[in-house]
N, C-alpha and C. Protein backbone atom coordinates (compact mmCIF):
# COMPACT_ATOMS: atom_id res chain seq x y z
N MET A 1 59.95 150.82 146.40
CA MET A 1 59.97 149.39 146.55
C MET A 1 58.82 148.74 145.10
N SER A 2 60.19 148.15 144.34
CA SER A 2 58.79 147.49 143.35
C SER A 2 59.99 146.28 143.16
N GLU A 3 60.48 145.63 143.52
CA GLU A 3 60.96 144.54 143.27
C GLU A 3 60.09 143.14 143.89
N ARG A 4 60.19 142.28 142.79
CA ARG A 4 58.82 141.47 143.09
C ARG A 4 59.71 140.47 143.81
N ILE A 5 58.53 139.62 145.08
CA ILE A 5 59.05 138.23 145.53
C ILE A 5 58.75 136.90 145.39
N LEU A 6 59.11 136.28 144.68
CA LEU A 6 58.75 134.77 144.04
C LEU A 6 58.41 133.79 145.14
N ARG A 7 57.10 134.08 144.72
CA ARG A 7 56.22 132.71 145.96
C ARG A 7 56.34 131.53 145.28
N LEU A 8 56.88 130.62 146.52
CA LEU A 8 57.23 129.15 145.77
C LEU A 8 55.61 128.30 146.90
N ASP A 9 55.61 127.04 146.74
CA ASP A 9 54.73 126.01 147.81
C ASP A 9 55.86 125.73 148.56
N LYS A 10 55.54 125.07 149.45
CA LYS A 10 56.24 124.28 150.15
C LYS A 10 57.16 123.21 149.90
N THR A 11 57.09 122.49 148.39
CA THR A 11 57.96 121.65 147.74
C THR A 11 58.82 122.35 146.65
N GLY A 12 58.72 123.98 146.95
CA GLY A 12 59.22 124.64 145.86
C GLY A 12 58.98 124.78 144.40
N THR A 13 57.61 124.63 144.20
CA THR A 13 56.92 124.72 142.99
C THR A 13 56.80 126.31 143.03
N PRO A 14 56.97 126.97 141.94
CA PRO A 14 56.73 128.49 141.62
C PRO A 14 55.52 128.65 141.63
N ILE A 15 54.96 129.72 142.46
CA ILE A 15 53.31 129.81 142.09
C ILE A 15 52.83 131.40 141.50
N GLU A 16 53.75 132.11 142.15
CA GLU A 16 53.33 133.69 141.71
C GLU A 16 54.35 134.47 142.38
N TRP A 17 54.43 136.10 141.74
CA TRP A 17 54.83 136.97 142.02
C TRP A 17 54.30 137.85 143.14
N LEU A 18 55.02 138.28 143.78
CA LEU A 18 54.07 138.95 145.25
C LEU A 18 54.92 140.50 145.28
N ASP A 19 53.85 141.56 145.55
CA ASP A 19 54.46 142.91 146.28
C ASP A 19 54.84 142.54 147.50
N TRP A 20 55.66 143.41 148.02
CA TRP A 20 56.30 143.45 149.47
C TRP A 20 55.46 143.12 150.57
N GLN A 21 54.50 143.79 150.25
CA GLN A 21 53.17 143.82 151.51
C GLN A 21 52.47 143.01 151.92
N MET A 22 52.35 142.05 150.57
CA MET A 22 51.73 140.39 150.88
C MET A 22 52.80 139.54 151.56
N ALA A 23 54.23 139.57 150.80
CA ALA A 23 54.97 138.83 151.31
C ALA A 23 55.06 139.06 152.77
N ALA A 24 54.85 140.18 153.45
CA ALA A 24 54.63 140.43 154.97
C ALA A 24 53.94 140.27 155.49
N VAL A 25 52.58 140.04 154.97
CA VAL A 25 51.55 139.32 155.37
C VAL A 25 51.80 137.77 155.76
N LEU A 26 52.34 137.11 154.72
CA LEU A 26 52.48 135.66 154.97
C LEU A 26 53.74 135.68 155.61
N TYR A 27 54.72 136.29 155.79
CA TYR A 27 55.66 136.16 157.01
C TYR A 27 54.93 136.25 158.62
N ALA A 28 54.29 137.35 158.38
CA ALA A 28 53.56 137.82 160.00
C ALA A 28 52.62 136.55 160.17
N ARG A 29 51.73 136.08 159.60
CA ARG A 29 51.15 135.17 159.60
C ARG A 29 51.68 133.63 160.01
N GLY A 30 53.18 133.56 159.82
CA GLY A 30 54.03 132.40 160.17
C GLY A 30 53.67 131.42 159.24
N LEU A 31 53.59 131.97 157.68
CA LEU A 31 53.15 130.65 156.77
C LEU A 31 54.42 130.48 155.70
N VAL A 32 55.59 131.39 156.11
CA VAL A 32 56.74 131.04 155.28
C VAL A 32 57.43 130.48 155.94
N THR A 33 57.99 129.24 155.29
CA THR A 33 58.58 127.97 156.08
C THR A 33 60.05 127.92 155.77
N TRP A 34 60.37 128.32 154.45
CA TRP A 34 61.89 128.58 154.03
C TRP A 34 62.26 129.57 153.00
N THR A 35 63.16 130.07 153.00
CA THR A 35 63.62 131.14 151.67
C THR A 35 64.68 131.18 151.40
N LEU A 36 65.17 131.67 149.90
CA LEU A 36 66.37 131.62 149.33
C LEU A 36 66.53 133.03 149.00
N GLY A 37 67.66 133.18 148.62
CA GLY A 37 68.25 134.45 148.03
C GLY A 37 68.25 135.39 149.01
N ASP A 38 68.41 136.61 148.41
CA ASP A 38 68.80 137.68 149.28
C ASP A 38 67.94 138.31 149.88
N VAL A 39 68.35 139.02 151.29
CA VAL A 39 67.27 139.78 151.84
C VAL A 39 66.90 140.87 150.82
N ILE A 40 66.35 141.54 150.50
CA ILE A 40 65.79 143.06 149.38
C ILE A 40 64.70 143.65 150.11
N TYR A 41 64.36 143.37 151.15
CA TYR A 41 63.36 144.33 152.15
C TYR A 41 63.56 144.21 153.49
N ARG A 42 63.96 145.71 154.24
CA ARG A 42 63.93 145.31 155.67
C ARG A 42 62.80 146.55 156.35
N LEU A 43 62.13 145.90 156.93
CA LEU A 43 60.84 146.59 157.43
C LEU A 43 61.06 146.68 158.67
N GLN A 44 60.50 147.86 159.28
CA GLN A 44 60.90 148.35 160.65
C GLN A 44 59.56 148.76 161.15
N GLY A 45 59.09 147.92 162.58
CA GLY A 45 57.79 148.11 163.08
C GLY A 45 57.75 148.99 164.22
N GLY A 46 56.88 148.59 165.10
CA GLY A 46 57.26 149.92 166.15
C GLY A 46 57.86 149.20 167.69
N ILE A 47 57.80 149.85 168.48
CA ILE A 47 58.33 149.40 169.68
C ILE A 47 57.65 148.82 170.67
N ASN A 48 57.86 147.47 170.94
CA ASN A 48 57.12 147.31 171.93
C ASN A 48 57.52 147.62 173.36
N ARG A 49 56.20 148.09 174.17
CA ARG A 49 56.24 148.94 175.10
C ARG A 49 56.72 147.99 176.57
N LEU A 50 56.68 146.48 176.42
CA LEU A 50 57.24 145.71 177.49
C LEU A 50 58.71 145.65 177.40
N SER A 51 58.96 145.39 176.29
CA SER A 51 60.34 145.00 176.10
C SER A 51 61.30 146.30 175.35
N GLY A 52 60.89 147.04 174.85
CA GLY A 52 61.23 148.50 174.42
C GLY A 52 62.20 148.20 173.14
N CYS A 53 62.03 146.71 172.64
CA CYS A 53 62.53 146.47 171.65
C CYS A 53 61.93 146.73 170.24
N ARG A 54 62.42 147.42 169.19
CA ARG A 54 61.83 147.53 167.71
C ARG A 54 61.72 146.16 167.00
N SER A 55 60.63 146.01 166.67
CA SER A 55 60.19 144.87 165.45
C SER A 55 60.95 145.20 164.31
N SER A 56 61.22 144.29 163.41
CA SER A 56 61.69 143.98 162.40
C SER A 56 61.29 142.74 161.48
N LEU A 57 61.56 142.98 160.01
CA LEU A 57 61.06 142.15 159.53
C LEU A 57 61.98 141.67 157.71
N SER A 58 62.62 140.63 158.17
CA SER A 58 63.81 140.84 156.60
C SER A 58 63.12 139.97 155.57
N LEU A 59 62.78 140.53 154.41
CA LEU A 59 62.05 139.80 153.41
C LEU A 59 63.08 139.33 152.03
N HIS A 60 63.34 137.86 152.33
CA HIS A 60 63.84 137.06 151.11
C HIS A 60 63.54 137.74 149.44
N SER A 61 63.85 137.23 148.56
CA SER A 61 63.30 137.48 147.19
C SER A 61 62.93 136.70 146.98
N ILE A 62 62.71 134.83 147.51
CA ILE A 62 62.26 133.72 147.11
C ILE A 62 61.62 133.17 148.47
N ILE A 63 60.40 133.04 148.82
CA ILE A 63 59.85 132.31 149.93
C ILE A 63 58.85 131.19 149.49
N ALA A 64 59.09 130.36 150.32
CA ALA A 64 58.21 129.07 150.22
C ALA A 64 57.28 129.20 151.40
N CYS A 65 56.25 128.85 151.07
CA CYS A 65 54.87 129.01 152.04
C CYS A 65 54.22 127.54 152.09
N ASP A 66 53.86 127.28 153.56
CA ASP A 66 53.29 126.39 154.09
C ASP A 66 51.62 126.05 153.62
N GLY A 67 50.97 125.46 153.65
CA GLY A 67 50.17 124.88 152.82
C GLY A 67 50.11 123.50 151.86
N LEU A 68 48.83 123.29 151.12
CA LEU A 68 48.98 122.38 150.22
C LEU A 68 49.95 122.38 149.34
N ALA A 69 50.37 121.63 149.19
CA ALA A 69 51.51 121.65 147.75
C ALA A 69 51.03 121.82 146.47
N HIS A 70 51.41 122.74 145.41
CA HIS A 70 50.37 122.63 144.21
C HIS A 70 50.83 121.41 143.20
N VAL A 71 49.91 120.68 143.01
CA VAL A 71 50.50 119.44 142.18
C VAL A 71 50.99 119.61 141.31
N GLU A 72 51.91 119.54 140.12
CA GLU A 72 52.42 120.06 138.80
C GLU A 72 51.05 120.15 138.13
N ARG A 73 50.39 121.84 137.60
CA ARG A 73 49.30 121.59 137.07
C ARG A 73 49.62 120.69 135.95
N ARG A 74 48.30 120.29 135.35
CA ARG A 74 48.26 119.80 134.10
C ARG A 74 47.50 121.02 133.17
N ARG A 75 46.73 122.11 133.60
CA ARG A 75 46.37 123.07 132.66
C ARG A 75 47.70 124.01 132.37
N ALA A 76 47.61 124.49 131.57
CA ALA A 76 48.66 125.47 130.57
C ALA A 76 48.47 127.28 131.82
N PRO A 77 49.33 127.42 131.77
CA PRO A 77 49.69 129.25 132.16
C PRO A 77 48.45 130.37 131.41
N PRO A 78 48.02 131.05 131.66
CA PRO A 78 47.14 131.93 130.80
C PRO A 78 47.74 132.34 129.39
N LEU A 79 47.16 132.29 128.50
CA LEU A 79 47.96 133.12 127.39
C LEU A 79 47.46 134.42 127.18
N THR A 80 48.70 135.21 127.46
CA THR A 80 48.41 136.56 126.67
C THR A 80 49.48 136.35 125.78
N ASN A 81 48.96 137.89 125.07
CA ASN A 81 50.00 138.38 124.25
C ASN A 81 51.46 138.75 124.46
N ARG A 82 51.26 139.22 125.83
CA ARG A 82 52.79 139.19 126.04
C ARG A 82 53.72 138.31 126.19
N ALA A 83 52.65 137.50 126.95
CA ALA A 83 54.05 136.29 126.95
C ALA A 83 54.02 135.29 126.10
N LEU A 84 53.48 135.30 125.30
CA LEU A 84 53.33 134.64 123.77
C LEU A 84 54.59 135.75 122.98
N PHE A 85 54.68 136.65 122.92
CA PHE A 85 55.50 137.55 122.22
C PHE A 85 57.09 137.54 122.95
N ARG A 86 56.77 136.89 124.05
CA ARG A 86 58.11 136.87 124.80
C ARG A 86 58.55 135.67 124.72
N ARG A 87 57.63 134.50 124.59
CA ARG A 87 57.92 133.06 124.45
C ARG A 87 58.94 133.07 123.03
N ASP A 88 57.92 133.66 122.05
CA ASP A 88 58.78 133.37 120.75
C ASP A 88 60.03 134.29 120.44
N GLN A 89 60.02 135.33 121.27
CA GLN A 89 61.40 135.94 121.38
C GLN A 89 61.31 137.49 120.56
N HIS A 90 60.06 137.79 120.39
CA HIS A 90 59.52 138.93 119.53
C HIS A 90 59.91 138.79 118.01
N LEU A 91 59.75 137.45 117.80
CA LEU A 91 60.48 137.38 116.28
C LEU A 91 58.78 136.47 115.76
N CYS A 92 58.46 136.92 114.12
CA CYS A 92 57.62 136.30 113.85
C CYS A 92 57.97 135.02 113.28
N LEU A 93 57.28 134.13 113.78
CA LEU A 93 57.57 132.52 113.17
C LEU A 93 57.62 132.35 111.61
N TYR A 94 57.41 132.96 110.89
CA TYR A 94 57.14 132.87 110.00
C TYR A 94 58.14 133.70 108.87
N CYS A 95 58.39 134.83 109.16
CA CYS A 95 59.53 135.65 108.04
C CYS A 95 60.34 135.53 109.09
N GLY A 96 60.47 135.61 110.17
CA GLY A 96 62.00 135.51 111.19
C GLY A 96 62.37 136.88 111.62
N LYS A 97 61.63 137.85 111.03
CA LYS A 97 61.97 139.20 111.48
C LYS A 97 61.74 139.60 113.03
N SER A 98 62.64 140.31 113.68
CA SER A 98 62.03 141.07 115.07
C SER A 98 61.38 142.00 115.16
N PHE A 99 60.00 142.11 116.19
CA PHE A 99 59.11 143.25 116.11
C PHE A 99 59.33 143.63 117.37
N ASN A 100 58.94 145.03 117.69
CA ASN A 100 58.15 145.31 118.83
C ASN A 100 56.86 144.92 119.02
N GLU A 101 56.36 144.90 120.22
CA GLU A 101 55.25 144.10 120.70
C GLU A 101 53.95 144.69 120.13
N ASN A 102 54.09 146.10 119.73
CA ASN A 102 53.29 146.90 119.21
C ASN A 102 52.90 146.61 118.00
N VAL A 103 53.47 146.00 117.05
CA VAL A 103 53.36 145.82 115.67
C VAL A 103 53.07 144.04 115.48
N LEU A 104 53.45 143.59 116.58
CA LEU A 104 52.96 141.85 116.78
C LEU A 104 51.58 141.47 116.91
N THR A 105 51.32 140.36 116.43
CA THR A 105 50.12 139.58 116.54
C THR A 105 50.33 138.25 116.99
N ARG A 106 49.13 137.69 117.27
CA ARG A 106 48.79 136.58 117.88
C ARG A 106 48.49 135.47 116.53
N ASP A 107 48.94 134.74 115.77
CA ASP A 107 48.56 134.05 114.79
C ASP A 107 48.05 132.45 115.53
N HIS A 108 46.97 132.13 114.65
CA HIS A 108 46.40 130.70 114.94
C HIS A 108 46.83 129.46 113.93
N ILE A 109 48.10 128.94 114.40
CA ILE A 109 48.17 127.81 113.27
C ILE A 109 47.02 127.26 112.62
N VAL A 110 46.34 126.67 113.28
CA VAL A 110 44.93 126.12 112.58
C VAL A 110 43.87 127.02 113.07
N PRO A 111 43.49 127.99 112.03
CA PRO A 111 42.64 129.04 112.44
C PRO A 111 41.33 128.88 113.20
N THR A 112 40.62 129.96 114.44
CA THR A 112 39.89 129.43 114.95
C THR A 112 38.51 129.37 114.33
N SER A 113 38.33 130.01 113.32
CA SER A 113 37.42 129.72 111.90
C SER A 113 37.55 128.33 111.30
N ARG A 114 38.48 127.70 111.60
CA ARG A 114 38.20 126.44 111.43
C ARG A 114 39.01 125.19 112.35
N GLY A 115 38.37 125.84 113.65
CA GLY A 115 38.29 124.72 114.87
C GLY A 115 39.45 124.93 115.59
N GLY A 116 40.02 125.69 115.10
CA GLY A 116 41.69 125.92 115.89
C GLY A 116 41.28 126.42 117.17
N ARG A 117 41.81 126.13 118.50
CA ARG A 117 41.76 126.52 119.58
C ARG A 117 43.16 127.66 120.12
N ASP A 118 42.52 128.50 120.75
CA ASP A 118 43.24 129.46 121.56
C ASP A 118 43.92 128.88 122.79
N HIS A 119 44.87 128.41 122.25
CA HIS A 119 45.94 127.72 122.86
C HIS A 119 47.36 127.85 122.55
N TRP A 120 48.28 127.81 123.83
CA TRP A 120 50.04 128.02 123.54
C TRP A 120 50.24 127.01 122.49
N SER A 121 49.80 125.78 122.16
CA SER A 121 50.35 124.91 121.19
C SER A 121 49.48 124.87 119.64
N ASN A 122 48.71 126.33 119.87
CA ASN A 122 48.32 126.59 118.33
C ASN A 122 48.53 127.61 118.29
N VAL A 123 49.16 128.42 119.13
CA VAL A 123 49.52 129.81 118.38
C VAL A 123 50.90 130.34 118.42
N VAL A 124 51.21 131.44 117.52
CA VAL A 124 52.78 131.70 117.39
C VAL A 124 53.02 133.42 117.07
N CYS A 125 53.80 133.89 117.19
CA CYS A 125 54.06 135.37 117.32
C CYS A 125 54.25 135.76 115.67
N ALA A 126 53.51 136.54 115.40
CA ALA A 126 53.27 136.57 113.79
C ALA A 126 53.30 138.11 113.76
N CYS A 127 54.56 139.07 112.42
CA CYS A 127 54.14 140.19 112.29
C CYS A 127 52.86 140.22 111.49
N LYS A 128 52.37 141.44 111.65
CA LYS A 128 50.90 142.04 110.95
C LYS A 128 51.07 141.47 109.45
N ARG A 129 51.84 141.58 108.61
CA ARG A 129 51.97 141.42 107.55
C ARG A 129 51.56 139.98 107.32
N CYS A 130 52.95 139.11 107.63
CA CYS A 130 52.56 137.40 107.77
C CYS A 130 51.17 137.25 108.28
N ASN A 131 50.79 137.46 109.01
CA ASN A 131 49.28 137.31 110.19
C ASN A 131 48.31 137.46 108.79
N GLN A 132 48.33 138.40 107.86
CA GLN A 132 47.09 138.97 106.80
C GLN A 132 47.41 138.10 105.53
N ARG A 133 48.66 138.02 105.35
CA ARG A 133 49.11 136.75 104.40
C ARG A 133 48.20 135.39 104.42
N LYS A 134 48.71 134.99 105.76
CA LYS A 134 48.37 133.65 105.96
C LYS A 134 46.39 133.69 106.18
N GLY A 135 46.30 134.67 106.84
CA GLY A 135 44.93 135.05 106.80
C GLY A 135 43.94 133.74 107.41
N SER A 136 43.11 133.18 106.95
CA SER A 136 42.22 131.97 107.37
C SER A 136 42.78 130.76 107.10
N ARG A 137 43.96 130.72 106.60
CA ARG A 137 43.99 129.27 105.60
C ARG A 137 45.05 128.28 106.79
N LEU A 138 45.30 127.42 106.50
CA LEU A 138 46.37 125.94 107.02
C LEU A 138 47.22 126.45 106.32
N LEU A 139 48.35 125.64 106.91
CA LEU A 139 50.10 126.32 106.42
C LEU A 139 50.23 125.23 104.98
N ALA A 140 49.29 124.22 105.06
CA ALA A 140 49.48 123.24 103.82
C ALA A 140 48.62 124.03 102.55
N GLU A 141 48.22 125.11 102.87
CA GLU A 141 47.05 125.49 101.66
C GLU A 141 48.01 126.81 101.29
N ILE A 142 49.33 127.27 101.67
CA ILE A 142 50.09 128.36 101.14
C ILE A 142 51.28 127.65 101.43
N ASP A 143 52.30 128.79 100.90
CA ASP A 143 53.64 128.32 100.51
C ASP A 143 54.17 129.09 102.04
N MET A 144 54.05 128.55 103.33
CA MET A 144 54.35 129.19 104.80
C MET A 144 54.70 128.22 105.29
N GLU A 145 55.60 128.19 105.88
CA GLU A 145 55.99 127.56 107.02
C GLU A 145 56.37 128.27 108.25
N LEU A 146 56.31 127.61 109.39
CA LEU A 146 57.13 127.86 110.61
C LEU A 146 58.26 127.68 110.99
N LEU A 147 58.90 128.51 111.67
CA LEU A 147 60.48 128.57 111.90
C LEU A 147 60.90 127.90 113.14
N ALA A 148 59.73 127.51 114.08
CA ALA A 148 59.95 127.17 115.41
C ALA A 148 58.70 126.45 115.50
N LEU A 149 58.11 125.48 116.18
CA LEU A 149 57.08 124.62 116.77
C LEU A 149 56.93 125.37 118.45
N PRO A 150 55.05 125.75 118.24
CA PRO A 150 54.85 126.41 119.42
C PRO A 150 54.98 125.17 120.62
N TYR A 151 55.30 125.86 121.87
CA TYR A 151 55.13 124.99 123.16
C TYR A 151 54.15 125.86 124.08
N VAL A 152 54.13 124.94 125.14
CA VAL A 152 53.31 125.36 126.35
C VAL A 152 54.52 125.44 127.53
N PRO A 153 54.69 126.59 127.78
CA PRO A 153 55.69 126.87 128.62
C PRO A 153 55.28 126.49 130.10
N ASN A 154 56.02 125.75 130.93
CA ASN A 154 55.78 125.28 132.50
C ASN A 154 55.55 126.75 133.42
N MET A 155 54.87 126.59 134.62
CA MET A 155 54.79 127.80 135.33
C MET A 155 56.06 128.31 135.81
N ALA A 156 57.31 127.70 135.90
CA ALA A 156 58.83 128.36 135.74
C ALA A 156 58.97 129.18 134.63
N GLU A 157 58.45 128.73 133.38
CA GLU A 157 58.78 129.86 132.37
C GLU A 157 57.90 130.97 132.22
N TYR A 158 56.28 130.47 132.49
CA TYR A 158 55.22 131.53 132.23
C TYR A 158 56.01 132.89 133.34
N LEU A 159 56.26 132.26 134.56
CA LEU A 159 56.69 133.81 135.72
C LEU A 159 57.81 134.36 135.36
N ALA A 160 58.69 133.79 134.52
CA ALA A 160 59.83 134.39 133.69
C ALA A 160 59.39 135.03 133.02
N LEU A 161 58.47 134.85 131.90
CA LEU A 161 57.86 136.04 130.79
C LEU A 161 57.28 136.76 131.26
N ILE A 162 56.31 136.50 132.27
CA ILE A 162 55.58 138.10 132.53
C ILE A 162 56.04 138.76 133.23
N ASN A 163 57.56 138.60 133.78
CA ASN A 163 57.99 139.58 134.90
C ASN A 163 59.26 139.93 134.34
N SER A 164 59.62 139.58 132.98
CA SER A 164 61.51 139.44 132.51
C SER A 164 62.18 140.61 133.03
N HIS A 165 61.63 141.47 132.69
CA HIS A 165 62.47 142.94 133.17
C HIS A 165 62.83 143.17 134.58
N ARG A 166 62.13 142.50 135.27
CA ARG A 166 62.29 143.00 136.88
C ARG A 166 62.54 141.67 137.95
N ILE A 167 63.17 140.56 136.87
CA ILE A 167 63.50 139.67 137.74
C ILE A 167 65.37 139.42 138.42
N ARG A 168 65.39 139.59 139.58
CA ARG A 168 66.81 139.31 140.07
C ARG A 168 67.44 138.27 139.93
N GLY A 169 68.71 138.18 139.64
CA GLY A 169 69.71 137.35 139.53
C GLY A 169 69.33 135.76 140.36
N ASP A 170 69.28 135.79 141.29
CA ASP A 170 68.87 134.33 142.25
C ASP A 170 67.60 134.17 141.93
N GLN A 171 66.41 134.70 141.39
CA GLN A 171 65.46 134.74 141.26
C GLN A 171 65.31 133.43 139.96
N MET A 172 66.15 134.48 138.89
CA MET A 172 66.15 133.63 137.38
C MET A 172 67.14 132.38 137.42
N ALA A 173 67.85 132.31 138.53
CA ALA A 173 68.53 131.06 138.60
C ALA A 173 67.70 129.86 139.07
N PHE A 174 67.17 130.55 140.07
CA PHE A 174 66.39 129.31 140.67
C PHE A 174 65.02 128.76 139.51
N LEU A 175 64.51 129.67 138.72
CA LEU A 175 63.44 129.57 137.72
C LEU A 175 64.15 128.72 136.59
N ARG A 176 65.24 129.11 136.24
CA ARG A 176 65.81 128.51 135.20
C ARG A 176 66.05 127.27 135.28
N ASN A 177 66.30 126.77 136.39
CA ASN A 177 66.45 125.01 137.00
C ASN A 177 65.30 124.69 136.55
N GLN A 178 64.18 124.76 136.40
CA GLN A 178 62.59 124.46 136.45
C GLN A 178 62.20 124.50 135.09
N PHE A 179 62.82 125.32 134.19
CA PHE A 179 62.20 125.24 132.80
C PHE A 179 62.53 123.88 131.79
N GLY A 180 61.46 124.11 131.10
CA GLY A 180 61.08 122.45 130.23
C GLY A 180 61.96 122.40 129.26
N LYS A 181 62.40 121.34 129.01
CA LYS A 181 63.32 121.04 127.88
C LYS A 181 62.95 121.94 126.38
N ASN A 182 62.04 122.17 126.01
CA ASN A 182 61.60 122.65 124.65
C ASN A 182 61.70 124.31 125.02
N SER A 183 62.17 124.78 125.82
CA SER A 183 62.12 125.95 126.34
C SER A 183 63.09 127.36 125.60
N ARG A 184 62.62 128.18 125.07
CA ARG A 184 63.31 129.09 123.98
C ARG A 184 64.12 129.84 125.22
N LEU A 185 63.59 129.86 126.23
CA LEU A 185 64.18 131.16 127.37
C LEU A 185 65.35 130.49 127.71
N LEU A 186 65.88 129.24 127.60
CA LEU A 186 67.08 128.78 127.96
C LEU A 186 68.11 129.32 127.02
N GLN A 187 67.83 129.58 125.99
CA GLN A 187 68.77 130.36 125.03
C GLN A 187 68.94 131.88 124.74
N GLN A 188 68.37 132.54 125.51
CA GLN A 188 67.92 134.32 125.74
C GLN A 188 68.61 134.75 126.61
N THR A 189 69.76 135.33 126.81
CA THR A 189 70.80 136.10 127.68
C THR A 189 69.94 137.26 128.25
N SER A 190 68.82 138.11 127.36
CA SER A 190 68.83 139.29 128.21
C SER A 190 67.76 139.01 129.54
N LEU A 191 67.18 137.86 129.33
CA LEU A 191 66.20 137.81 130.51
C LEU A 191 67.18 137.60 131.86
N TYR A 192 68.55 137.10 131.63
CA TYR A 192 69.49 136.81 132.90
C TYR A 192 70.12 137.95 133.50
N GLN A 193 70.26 139.16 132.76
CA GLN A 193 70.91 140.26 133.35
C GLN A 193 69.97 141.14 134.13
């Protein structure tokens, strides 16, 4: 059992990916308030000695849980190279060539040595050659241009980025409806299959 379950808050805001065990705990505690998508796991329990009935639990691919609503977070999701490379579609945003993750780097548009922050809006995917060529210079100081502007993904996009190869169609359809207007994920078809 390797499919992940998408957890939402009670307002439908995506929160995290769960394994089936954590989802079963939420169901058993009565915290699941509504579900979407297909049943992806059917768990069988023991037999009740009074009724003689076997307990069972059906886990859906998308669950909303009771509790405090997660107000739209003002802070950005965690920045990781894997999510960054997927945001930028494995393209060097300087030369435009596609690369495998193992030969890509995180480039700071305003280098950290010059006061730039390690933040989604200041980093892009770059091949090693372009990153070395740019060095610790600003784009205005060298003959290089960005092919696309960086952006901060919202939580729905982030969850799609970090789990892109294992997302079910019903989960992706739900997440896609919440992608931001600047999302490059809307153009990607490989994530939706």
